[in-house]
Amino acid sequence: MLGASLNKVFDYFKSCWQSSWNYSLWGLLIFPVSPLLGAVTIGFVSLITFLKQYRKISRRPLNWGFALLSVLLIVTAGFAQDKTTAFVGLFNLLPFFLVFAAHSTLIQTFAQLRQMAWILVIASMPVIIIGLGQLFLGWSLKFEILWIVFAWTIRPGGNPPGRIASLFMHANTFAAYLAIVFILGLGLWLENYQQLRVKRRQWGLGVSPSRATALQESFSPQLPTPQSLLPFLFLTVAVIANFIALIFTNSRNGWAIAIFACLAYALYQGWRILVGGVAAIVSSVLLAAFAPSPIAQFFRQYVPAFFWARLNDDMYPDRPVALMRKTQWEFAWSLAQEHPWTGWGLRSFSGLYKAQMQIPLGHPHNLFLMLSAETGFPSSFLFCGLLAWILITGVQLLRKSKYINTQDRLIFFSYLLAFVAWVLFNTVDVTVFELRLNALSWLILAAICGVVHRYNQQHRLASHPN
């Protein structure tokens, strides 16, 4: 009785917010091709949800942490050498805290996680097609409608040349987007694959034709049909397309995250043979790139230079030292040590680095070092602590909660994996300056927190029914 009552309560809550959630899904669908329209849609939903659910949002301790972080960031901007630039830099963070707080209230169910993942996979297909045309067919375009409502810039041959970027500014940002979509798409594919296997087992019974006909009539909703195969076939094409596009971004970070995701799924599913195969392939590529010359030459007979030469930088042998990540990280760390409490101000790294190295660079290719240098250690530690809190509570729910059905665990695991992938990518790059990536990452965090909060609440109600 209690379980049925709880389900009715949460179903009612879901129906009340279904329209707002649908608007968010539409925003995600158009985000890749129109960042402005997508951002306005998601921002509007976030604002309305925040105003209507302010009391619930304000009672969550995690949101208190982000409120404190917002205050600290504003204070650090007030101490910045270039205060105007620092306050402008706040727009890469503070509005997304609002998106997070609102959508962690709006997203409550595993069905919503699946809907969001499906929308992201579907929305990725046009930009992948455009990117492949850009790289292999020389497609180019500069097209604007109503200023930046629809603003498409496609550079022939990619950006940088030879690396697929599609509608994104750079191949690395496109790789970060593809990595997240690839992980969620692969999770949906595995889920559909498991469902089809169950249906085939139900139908694959050794019975006579007459008995089979009777079973078909009795269990027809459970049998694989051409219609039920379409989602699986689409996901197969989408996952392969995402993986191919990710390869041609020529992003080492994207490659590493894709391999990490495949290994994580294989371990989660208990596919030891696949784990061994992937490990063997990765080892061969690494040996071709970094082993002593006799060993490396042997493996280079089988591993394409496209991979090993990119890993050990033989593909770009004359890169300036100032463009090396190690140089950027050392400089950012030195800045953080000089102003450990308030930093130098948001968006200050670029100007300071150019003055020192005489090379323009937008960021130090590490989000956490960048925040330490620009906002100080207290703000950056609080930010990292909040992220750790989200990850830990998510893992705890996945491991020990008895309220998650078996078929729902995989999609939740996919979101946790996407979150870890985002963290890993931001240790070697920075995604907060790309509007689509920034919004997507905070929506993934909100999805994890929303589901965790809902099931923790359910646990409390079940433990104290009176």
Protein backbone atom coordinates (compact mmCIF):
# COMPACT_ATOMS: atom_id res chain seq x y z
CA MET A 1 0.00 0.00 0.00
CA LEU A 2 2.76 2.39 0.91
CA GLY A 3 4.61 1.74 -2.36
CA ALA A 4 1.45 2.32 -4.39
CA SER A 5 0.75 5.58 -2.53
CA LEU A 6 4.29 6.80 -3.10
CA ASN A 7 4.05 6.01 -6.80
CA LYS A 8 0.82 8.00 -7.04
CA VAL A 9 2.43 10.98 -5.32
CA PHE A 10 5.44 10.99 -7.64
CA ASP A 11 3.27 10.38 -10.73
CA TYR A 12 1.18 13.40 -9.78
CA PHE A 13 4.34 15.48 -9.28
CA LYS A 14 5.63 14.36 -12.65
CA SER A 15 2.38 15.24 -14.45
CA CYS A 16 2.38 18.74 -12.94
CA TRP A 17 5.80 19.45 -14.40
CA GLN A 18 5.51 17.51 -17.65
CA SER A 19 4.96 20.63 -19.75
CA SER A 20 8.05 22.36 -18.34
CA TRP A 21 10.11 19.24 -18.87
CA ASN A 22 8.90 19.01 -22.48
CA TYR A 23 10.12 22.56 -23.10
CA SER A 24 13.53 21.60 -21.74
CA LEU A 25 13.63 18.61 -24.09
CA TRP A 26 12.81 20.86 -27.05
CA GLY A 27 15.60 23.18 -25.95
CA LEU A 28 18.06 20.28 -25.87
CA LEU A 29 16.89 19.13 -29.29
CA ILE A 30 17.64 22.45 -30.99
CA PHE A 31 20.71 23.30 -28.90
CA PRO A 32 23.34 21.89 -31.30
CA VAL A 33 22.07 23.88 -34.28
CA SER A 34 20.87 27.00 -32.43
CA PRO A 35 22.65 27.61 -29.11
CA LEU A 36 20.75 30.85 -28.54
CA LEU A 37 17.26 29.36 -28.90
CA GLY A 38 18.26 26.34 -26.86
CA ALA A 39 19.74 28.49 -24.10
CA VAL A 40 16.71 30.80 -23.99
CA THR A 41 14.34 27.84 -23.77
CA ILE A 42 16.25 26.05 -21.01
CA GLY A 43 16.89 29.32 -19.19
CA PHE A 44 13.19 30.23 -19.28
CA VAL A 45 12.20 26.81 -17.92
CA SER A 46 14.84 27.13 -15.20
CA LEU A 47 13.62 30.56 -14.14
CA ILE A 48 9.95 29.56 -14.01
CA THR A 49 10.76 26.36 -12.12
CA PHE A 50 12.98 28.26 -9.67
CA LEU A 51 10.24 30.79 -8.94
CA LYS A 52 7.56 28.14 -8.46
CA GLN A 53 9.71 25.74 -6.44
CA TYR A 54 11.85 28.25 -4.56
CA ARG A 55 11.04 26.80 -1.13
CA LYS A 56 11.95 23.24 -2.12
CA ILE A 57 15.12 24.41 -3.85
CA SER A 58 16.19 26.55 -0.91
CA ARG A 59 15.84 23.63 1.52
CA ARG A 60 18.41 21.41 -0.23
CA PRO A 61 21.90 21.55 1.37
CA LEU A 62 23.65 21.10 -1.97
CA ASN A 63 22.01 24.28 -3.24
CA TRP A 64 23.26 26.08 -0.13
CA GLY A 65 26.74 25.09 -1.21
CA PHE A 66 26.27 26.56 -4.67
CA ALA A 67 24.77 29.71 -3.14
CA LEU A 68 27.88 30.09 -0.97
CA LEU A 69 30.07 29.44 -4.02
CA SER A 70 28.19 32.15 -5.91
CA VAL A 71 28.89 34.65 -3.12
CA LEU A 72 32.59 33.72 -3.08
CA LEU A 73 32.85 34.11 -6.85
CA ILE A 74 31.24 37.56 -6.69
CA VAL A 75 33.68 38.56 -3.94
CA THR A 76 36.67 37.36 -5.97
CA ALA A 77 35.44 39.37 -8.95
CA GLY A 78 35.41 42.44 -6.72
CA PHE A 79 39.12 41.91 -5.93
CA ALA A 80 40.13 41.29 -9.55
CA GLN A 81 42.59 43.56 -11.33
CA ASP A 82 40.18 43.81 -14.29
CA LYS A 83 36.82 43.89 -12.50
CA THR A 84 34.72 44.33 -15.63
CA THR A 85 36.15 41.20 -17.28
CA ALA A 86 35.83 39.24 -14.03
CA PHE A 87 32.17 40.14 -13.57
CA VAL A 88 31.48 39.22 -17.20
CA GLY A 89 33.19 35.89 -16.50
CA LEU A 90 30.60 35.17 -13.81
CA PHE A 91 28.06 34.52 -16.58
CA ASN A 92 29.91 31.29 -17.41
CA LEU A 93 29.03 29.98 -13.94
CA LEU A 94 26.26 31.69 -11.98
CA PRO A 95 23.38 31.26 -14.49
CA PHE A 96 24.23 27.56 -14.76
CA PHE A 97 23.96 27.16 -10.99
CA LEU A 98 20.36 28.31 -11.46
CA VAL A 99 19.87 25.79 -14.29
CA PHE A 100 21.24 23.09 -12.02
CA ALA A 101 19.09 23.99 -9.02
CA ALA A 102 15.89 24.24 -11.07
CA HIS A 103 16.37 21.09 -13.14
CA SER A 104 17.42 19.01 -10.14
CA THR A 105 13.88 19.72 -8.93
CA LEU A 106 12.33 19.19 -12.35
CA ILE A 107 14.05 15.87 -13.12
CA GLN A 108 12.86 13.12 -10.80
CA THR A 109 12.51 9.82 -12.66
CA PHE A 110 14.50 7.35 -14.71
CA ALA A 111 12.01 7.84 -17.55
CA GLN A 112 13.19 11.45 -17.75
CA LEU A 113 16.82 10.32 -17.85
CA ARG A 114 15.99 8.12 -20.85
CA GLN A 115 14.07 10.90 -22.58
CA MET A 116 16.97 13.29 -22.16
CA ALA A 117 19.48 10.72 -23.42
CA TRP A 118 17.33 9.95 -26.47
CA ILE A 119 16.98 13.65 -27.30
CA LEU A 120 20.74 14.16 -27.08
CA VAL A 121 21.44 11.19 -29.35
CA ILE A 122 18.87 12.32 -31.93
CA ALA A 123 20.13 15.91 -31.84
CA SER A 124 23.71 14.77 -32.43
CA MET A 125 23.02 13.18 -35.81
CA PRO A 126 22.68 16.41 -37.89
CA VAL A 127 25.92 17.88 -36.49
CA ILE A 128 27.76 14.60 -37.12
CA ILE A 129 26.57 14.54 -40.74
CA ILE A 130 27.61 18.17 -41.18
CA GLY A 131 31.00 17.43 -39.63
CA LEU A 132 31.69 14.44 -41.87
CA GLY A 133 30.70 16.52 -44.89
CA GLN A 134 33.01 19.28 -43.68
CA LEU A 135 35.95 16.91 -43.41
CA PHE A 136 35.51 14.65 -46.43
CA LEU A 137 33.39 16.66 -48.88
CA GLY A 138 34.78 20.12 -48.21
CA TRP A 139 31.47 21.56 -47.05
CA SER A 140 31.67 25.21 -46.00
CA LEU A 141 29.01 27.65 -44.93
CA LYS A 142 28.53 30.95 -43.18
CA PHE A 143 24.84 31.44 -42.59
CA GLU A 144 22.96 33.71 -40.19
CA ILE A 145 19.26 34.29 -39.55
CA LEU A 146 18.09 37.02 -37.19
CA TRP A 147 21.59 37.85 -35.99
CA ILE A 148 22.69 34.80 -33.94
CA VAL A 149 19.38 32.91 -33.63
CA PHE A 150 20.64 30.60 -36.35
CA ALA A 151 24.34 31.21 -36.96
CA TRP A 152 26.14 28.40 -38.73
CA THR A 153 29.82 28.57 -39.60
CA ILE A 154 31.32 25.51 -41.25
CA ARG A 155 34.99 25.68 -42.19
CA PRO A 156 36.06 23.37 -45.02
CA GLY A 157 38.48 20.71 -43.82
CA GLY A 158 37.65 21.30 -40.15
CA ASN A 159 39.06 23.49 -37.41
CA PRO A 160 41.99 23.08 -36.98
CA PRO A 161 42.46 21.85 -40.55
CA GLY A 162 42.12 18.09 -40.82
CA ARG A 163 40.08 17.78 -37.60
CA ILE A 164 36.30 17.59 -37.65
CA ALA A 165 34.56 20.42 -35.77
CA SER A 166 31.11 20.66 -37.42
CA LEU A 167 29.12 23.61 -35.99
CA PHE A 168 31.41 23.88 -32.97
CA MET A 169 34.25 26.38 -32.74
CA HIS A 170 37.01 23.81 -32.32
CA ALA A 171 37.53 20.07 -32.74
CA ASN A 172 38.24 19.65 -29.02
CA THR A 173 34.90 21.12 -27.96
CA PHE A 174 33.16 18.94 -30.54
CA ALA A 175 35.00 15.95 -29.10
CA ALA A 176 33.78 16.76 -25.59
CA TYR A 177 30.21 16.96 -26.88
CA LEU A 178 30.53 13.69 -28.80
CA ALA A 179 32.07 11.91 -25.80
CA ILE A 180 29.06 12.71 -23.61
CA VAL A 181 26.55 11.76 -26.30
CA PHE A 182 28.51 8.59 -27.10
CA ILE A 183 28.37 7.47 -23.45
CA LEU A 184 24.63 8.10 -23.09
CA GLY A 185 23.92 6.58 -26.51
CA LEU A 186 25.93 3.47 -25.66
CA GLY A 187 23.97 3.15 -22.41
CA LEU A 188 20.67 3.28 -24.31
CA TRP A 189 22.01 0.77 -26.85
CA LEU A 190 22.98 -1.70 -24.12
CA GLU A 191 19.61 -1.27 -22.46
CA ASN A 192 17.77 -1.97 -25.72
CA TYR A 193 20.08 -4.89 -26.47
CA GLN A 194 19.26 -6.48 -23.12
CA GLN A 195 15.53 -5.99 -23.66
CA LEU A 196 15.72 -7.65 -27.07
CA ARG A 197 17.63 -10.59 -25.58
CA VAL A 198 14.91 -11.07 -22.98
CA LYS A 199 12.22 -11.02 -25.66
CA ARG A 200 14.10 -13.53 -27.77
CA ARG A 201 14.47 -15.87 -24.79
CA GLN A 202 10.75 -15.66 -24.18
CA TRP A 203 10.05 -16.53 -27.82
CA GLY A 204 12.90 -18.97 -28.38
CA LEU A 205 11.09 -21.95 -26.86
CA GLY A 206 11.30 -25.44 -28.34
CA VAL A 207 7.58 -25.93 -29.03
CA SER A 208 5.45 -27.20 -31.87
CA PRO A 209 4.15 -24.77 -34.53
CA SER A 210 0.63 -24.87 -33.10
CA ARG A 211 1.95 -24.19 -29.61
CA ALA A 212 4.17 -21.42 -30.99
CA THR A 213 1.12 -19.77 -32.56
CA ALA A 214 -0.70 -19.93 -29.24
CA LEU A 215 2.31 -18.43 -27.47
CA GLN A 216 2.53 -15.68 -30.05
CA GLU A 217 -1.10 -14.77 -29.42
CA SER A 218 -0.63 -14.88 -25.66
CA PHE A 219 2.70 -13.02 -25.47
CA SER A 220 2.53 -10.84 -28.56
CA PRO A 221 3.37 -7.65 -26.62
CA GLN A 222 6.66 -9.31 -25.62
CA LEU A 223 7.79 -10.51 -29.03
CA PRO A 224 10.39 -8.68 -31.12
CA THR A 225 8.72 -6.90 -34.03
CA PRO A 226 10.12 -4.72 -36.82
CA GLN A 227 8.81 -1.71 -34.90
CA SER A 228 10.58 -2.77 -31.70
CA LEU A 229 13.83 -3.26 -33.61
CA LEU A 230 13.83 0.28 -35.04
CA PRO A 231 15.07 2.01 -31.85
CA PHE A 232 17.86 -0.54 -31.51
CA LEU A 233 18.89 -0.12 -35.16
CA PHE A 234 18.84 3.67 -34.85
CA LEU A 235 20.95 3.55 -31.69
CA THR A 236 23.41 1.20 -33.42
CA VAL A 237 23.86 3.67 -36.28
CA ALA A 238 24.03 6.65 -33.90
CA VAL A 239 26.64 5.08 -31.59
CA ILE A 240 28.84 4.05 -34.54
CA ALA A 241 28.49 7.50 -36.12
CA ASN A 242 29.40 9.20 -32.84
CA PHE A 243 32.44 6.96 -32.44
CA ILE A 244 33.62 7.59 -36.02
CA ALA A 245 33.20 11.35 -35.63
CA LEU A 246 35.03 11.20 -32.29
CA ILE A 247 37.98 9.48 -33.99
CA PHE A 248 38.17 12.20 -36.66
CA THR A 249 38.17 15.01 -34.11
CA ASN A 250 41.75 13.82 -33.58
CA SER A 251 41.29 14.61 -29.91
CA ARG A 252 43.45 12.50 -27.62
CA ASN A 253 41.20 13.46 -24.72
CA GLY A 254 38.12 12.29 -26.61
CA TRP A 255 39.77 9.02 -27.58
CA ALA A 256 40.83 8.29 -24.01
CA ILE A 257 37.37 9.02 -22.64
CA ALA A 258 35.69 6.82 -25.27
CA ILE A 259 38.01 3.93 -24.40
CA PHE A 260 37.47 4.54 -20.69
CA ALA A 261 33.69 4.45 -21.24
CA CYS A 262 33.84 1.19 -23.19
CA LEU A 263 35.93 -0.43 -20.47
CA ALA A 264 33.60 0.87 -17.75
CA TYR A 265 30.54 -0.55 -19.50
CA ALA A 266 32.30 -3.86 -20.14
CA LEU A 267 33.30 -4.15 -16.48
CA TYR A 268 29.81 -3.17 -15.36
CA GLN A 269 28.28 -5.83 -17.62
CA GLY A 270 30.88 -8.43 -16.66
CA TRP A 271 32.18 -8.85 -20.22
CA ARG A 272 35.73 -9.93 -19.39
CA ILE A 273 36.62 -10.93 -22.95
CA LEU A 274 35.73 -7.44 -24.20
CA VAL A 275 37.77 -5.87 -21.42
CA GLY A 276 40.76 -7.98 -22.45
CA GLY A 277 40.31 -7.11 -26.13
CA VAL A 278 40.08 -3.37 -25.50
CA ALA A 279 43.07 -3.52 -23.14
CA ALA A 280 45.12 -5.33 -25.80
CA ILE A 281 44.25 -2.76 -28.46
CA VAL A 282 45.04 0.17 -26.16
CA SER A 283 48.33 -1.41 -25.11
CA SER A 284 49.33 -1.91 -28.74
CA VAL A 285 48.65 1.75 -29.55
CA LEU A 286 50.54 2.96 -26.47
CA LEU A 287 53.52 0.73 -27.26
CA ALA A 288 53.56 2.02 -30.84
CA ALA A 289 53.61 5.56 -29.50
CA PHE A 290 55.91 5.43 -26.49
CA ALA A 291 57.88 2.15 -26.35
CA PRO A 292 61.62 1.98 -27.12
CA SER A 293 62.36 2.13 -30.82
CA PRO A 294 62.65 -1.63 -31.65
CA ILE A 295 59.39 -2.44 -29.86
CA ALA A 296 57.62 0.65 -31.19
CA GLN A 297 58.64 -0.13 -34.77
CA PHE A 298 57.16 -3.61 -34.49
CA PHE A 299 53.77 -2.31 -33.32
CA ARG A 300 53.79 0.54 -35.84
CA GLN A 301 53.53 -2.07 -38.59
CA TYR A 302 49.99 -2.76 -37.39
CA VAL A 303 48.85 0.44 -35.67
CA PRO A 304 48.01 3.34 -38.05
CA ALA A 305 50.21 6.41 -37.62
CA PHE A 306 46.99 8.44 -37.32
CA PHE A 307 46.79 7.17 -33.72
CA TRP A 308 50.32 6.73 -32.40
CA ALA A 309 51.73 9.86 -34.05
CA ARG A 310 48.94 11.93 -32.50
CA LEU A 311 49.56 10.49 -29.06
CA ASN A 312 53.31 11.18 -28.96
CA ASP A 313 53.03 14.48 -30.89
CA ASP A 314 55.04 13.25 -33.89
CA MET A 315 52.14 14.55 -35.95
CA TYR A 316 52.86 18.11 -34.72
CA PRO A 317 56.63 18.13 -34.02
CA ASP A 318 57.17 21.92 -34.12
CA ARG A 319 54.58 22.96 -31.55
CA PRO A 320 55.75 25.98 -29.46
CA VAL A 321 56.55 25.25 -25.82
CA ALA A 322 54.01 27.87 -24.76
CA LEU A 323 51.23 25.78 -26.34
CA MET A 324 52.18 22.69 -24.35
CA ARG A 325 49.72 21.86 -21.59
CA LYS A 326 52.51 21.32 -19.10
CA THR A 327 53.68 24.92 -19.60
CA GLN A 328 50.15 26.26 -19.22
CA TRP A 329 49.50 24.24 -16.06
CA GLU A 330 52.74 25.39 -14.43
CA PHE A 331 51.90 29.01 -15.18
CA ALA A 332 48.35 28.65 -13.81
CA TRP A 333 49.68 27.01 -10.65
CA SER A 334 52.17 29.84 -10.14
CA LEU A 335 49.34 32.38 -10.49
CA ALA A 336 47.28 30.49 -7.90
CA GLN A 337 50.18 30.51 -5.44
CA GLU A 338 50.67 34.28 -5.84
CA HIS A 339 47.01 35.08 -5.04
CA PRO A 340 45.75 32.02 -3.14
CA TRP A 341 42.65 33.56 -1.53
CA THR A 342 40.88 35.55 -4.23
CA GLY A 343 42.83 34.74 -7.40
CA TRP A 344 43.45 37.16 -10.23
CA GLY A 345 39.86 37.41 -11.40
CA LEU A 346 37.79 35.35 -13.83
CA ARG A 347 38.96 35.48 -17.45
CA SER A 348 42.32 36.93 -16.36
CA PHE A 349 44.48 33.98 -17.43
CA SER A 350 44.44 34.83 -21.13
CA GLY A 351 45.85 38.34 -20.68
CA LEU A 352 48.44 37.29 -18.12
CA TYR A 353 49.64 34.38 -20.24
CA LYS A 354 49.92 36.52 -23.36
CA ALA A 355 51.93 39.13 -21.47
CA GLN A 356 54.33 36.43 -20.24
CA MET A 357 54.57 34.12 -23.28
CA GLN A 358 53.65 36.46 -26.16
CA ILE A 359 51.10 33.88 -27.39
CA PRO A 360 47.31 34.34 -27.15
CA LEU A 361 45.61 31.51 -25.26
CA GLY A 362 42.06 31.46 -23.96
CA HIS A 363 42.52 29.14 -20.96
CA PRO A 364 45.09 26.81 -19.32
CA HIS A 365 43.42 23.56 -20.48
CA ASN A 366 42.49 22.55 -16.94
CA LEU A 367 39.29 23.83 -15.37
CA PHE A 368 40.37 23.26 -11.79
CA LEU A 369 43.75 24.96 -12.17
CA MET A 370 42.03 27.81 -13.99
CA LEU A 371 39.57 28.33 -11.13
CA SER A 372 42.40 28.17 -8.60
CA ALA A 373 44.35 30.84 -10.48
CA GLU A 374 41.37 33.08 -11.23
CA THR A 375 39.18 32.70 -8.11
CA GLY A 376 41.53 31.40 -5.42
CA PHE A 377 41.78 28.14 -3.53
CA PRO A 378 38.68 28.51 -1.27
CA SER A 379 36.32 28.87 -4.24
CA SER A 380 37.96 26.13 -6.26
CA PHE A 381 38.02 23.71 -3.30
CA LEU A 382 34.34 24.37 -2.60
CA PHE A 383 33.52 23.79 -6.27
CA CYS A 384 35.41 20.48 -6.28
CA GLY A 385 33.79 19.48 -3.00
CA LEU A 386 30.30 20.03 -4.42
CA LEU A 387 31.14 17.95 -7.48
CA ALA A 388 32.51 15.19 -5.24
CA TRP A 389 29.31 15.28 -3.17
CA ILE A 390 27.21 14.76 -6.31
CA LEU A 391 29.35 11.86 -7.48
CA ILE A 392 29.50 10.15 -4.09
CA THR A 393 25.73 10.33 -3.50
CA GLY A 394 25.12 9.02 -7.01
CA VAL A 395 27.46 6.07 -6.54
CA GLN A 396 25.92 5.30 -3.16
CA LEU A 397 22.44 5.20 -4.67
CA LEU A 398 23.61 2.93 -7.48
CA ARG A 399 25.41 0.52 -5.14
CA LYS A 400 23.10 0.05 -2.19
CA SER A 401 19.65 1.35 -2.94
CA LYS A 402 16.91 -1.27 -3.12
CA TYR A 403 14.55 1.19 -4.75
CA ILE A 404 16.15 1.08 -8.20
CA ASN A 405 14.83 -1.56 -10.56
CA THR A 406 17.40 -3.65 -12.40
CA GLN A 407 16.44 -2.16 -15.75
CA ASP A 408 16.92 1.37 -14.39
CA ARG A 409 20.42 0.89 -13.01
CA LEU A 410 22.09 0.97 -16.42
CA ILE A 411 20.72 4.37 -17.46
CA PHE A 412 21.70 5.84 -14.08
CA PHE A 413 25.17 4.32 -14.41
CA SER A 414 25.40 5.99 -17.86
CA TYR A 415 24.77 9.42 -16.35
CA LEU A 416 27.36 8.84 -13.63
CA LEU A 417 29.81 7.76 -16.33
CA ALA A 418 29.05 10.88 -18.39
CA PHE A 419 29.69 12.99 -15.28
CA VAL A 420 33.06 11.31 -14.68
CA ALA A 421 33.91 11.78 -18.37
CA TRP A 422 33.14 15.50 -18.08
CA VAL A 423 35.44 15.79 -15.04
CA LEU A 424 38.23 13.91 -16.83
CA PHE A 425 37.90 16.05 -19.95
CA ASN A 426 38.12 19.22 -17.87
CA THR A 427 41.42 18.11 -16.36
CA VAL A 428 43.00 18.54 -19.81
CA ASP A 429 40.68 21.16 -21.30
CA VAL A 430 37.99 23.67 -20.32
CA THR A 431 34.39 23.36 -21.51
CA VAL A 432 32.67 26.20 -19.60
CA PHE A 433 33.24 28.68 -22.44
CA GLU A 434 31.17 26.60 -24.88
CA LEU A 435 27.50 27.36 -24.14
CA ARG A 436 26.14 24.01 -25.29
CA LEU A 437 28.70 21.96 -23.39
CA ASN A 438 28.34 24.04 -20.25
CA ALA A 439 24.55 23.73 -20.20
CA LEU A 440 24.68 20.02 -21.01
CA SER A 441 27.12 19.27 -18.19
CA TRP A 442 24.99 21.07 -15.59
CA LEU A 443 21.85 19.32 -16.83
CA ILE A 444 23.58 15.95 -16.39
CA LEU A 445 24.55 16.93 -12.83
CA ALA A 446 20.98 18.09 -12.20
CA ALA A 447 19.60 14.80 -13.51
CA ILE A 448 21.78 12.79 -11.13
CA CYS A 449 20.89 14.99 -8.15
CA GLY A 450 17.17 15.02 -8.96
CA VAL A 451 16.94 11.23 -9.05
CA VAL A 452 19.10 10.84 -5.94
CA HIS A 453 16.95 13.30 -4.00
CA ARG A 454 13.72 11.64 -5.11
CA TYR A 455 14.86 8.17 -4.03
CA ASN A 456 16.34 9.40 -0.77
CA GLN A 457 13.00 11.03 -0.06
CA GLN A 458 11.23 7.79 -0.91
CA HIS A 459 13.54 5.93 1.48
CA ARG A 460 12.74 8.37 4.28
CA LEU A 461 9.00 8.04 3.70
CA ALA A 462 9.27 4.27 3.66
CA SER A 463 11.32 4.25 6.89
CA HIS A 464 8.95 6.65 8.71
CA PRO A 465 5.46 6.05 7.28
CA ASN A 466 3.82 7.97 10.07
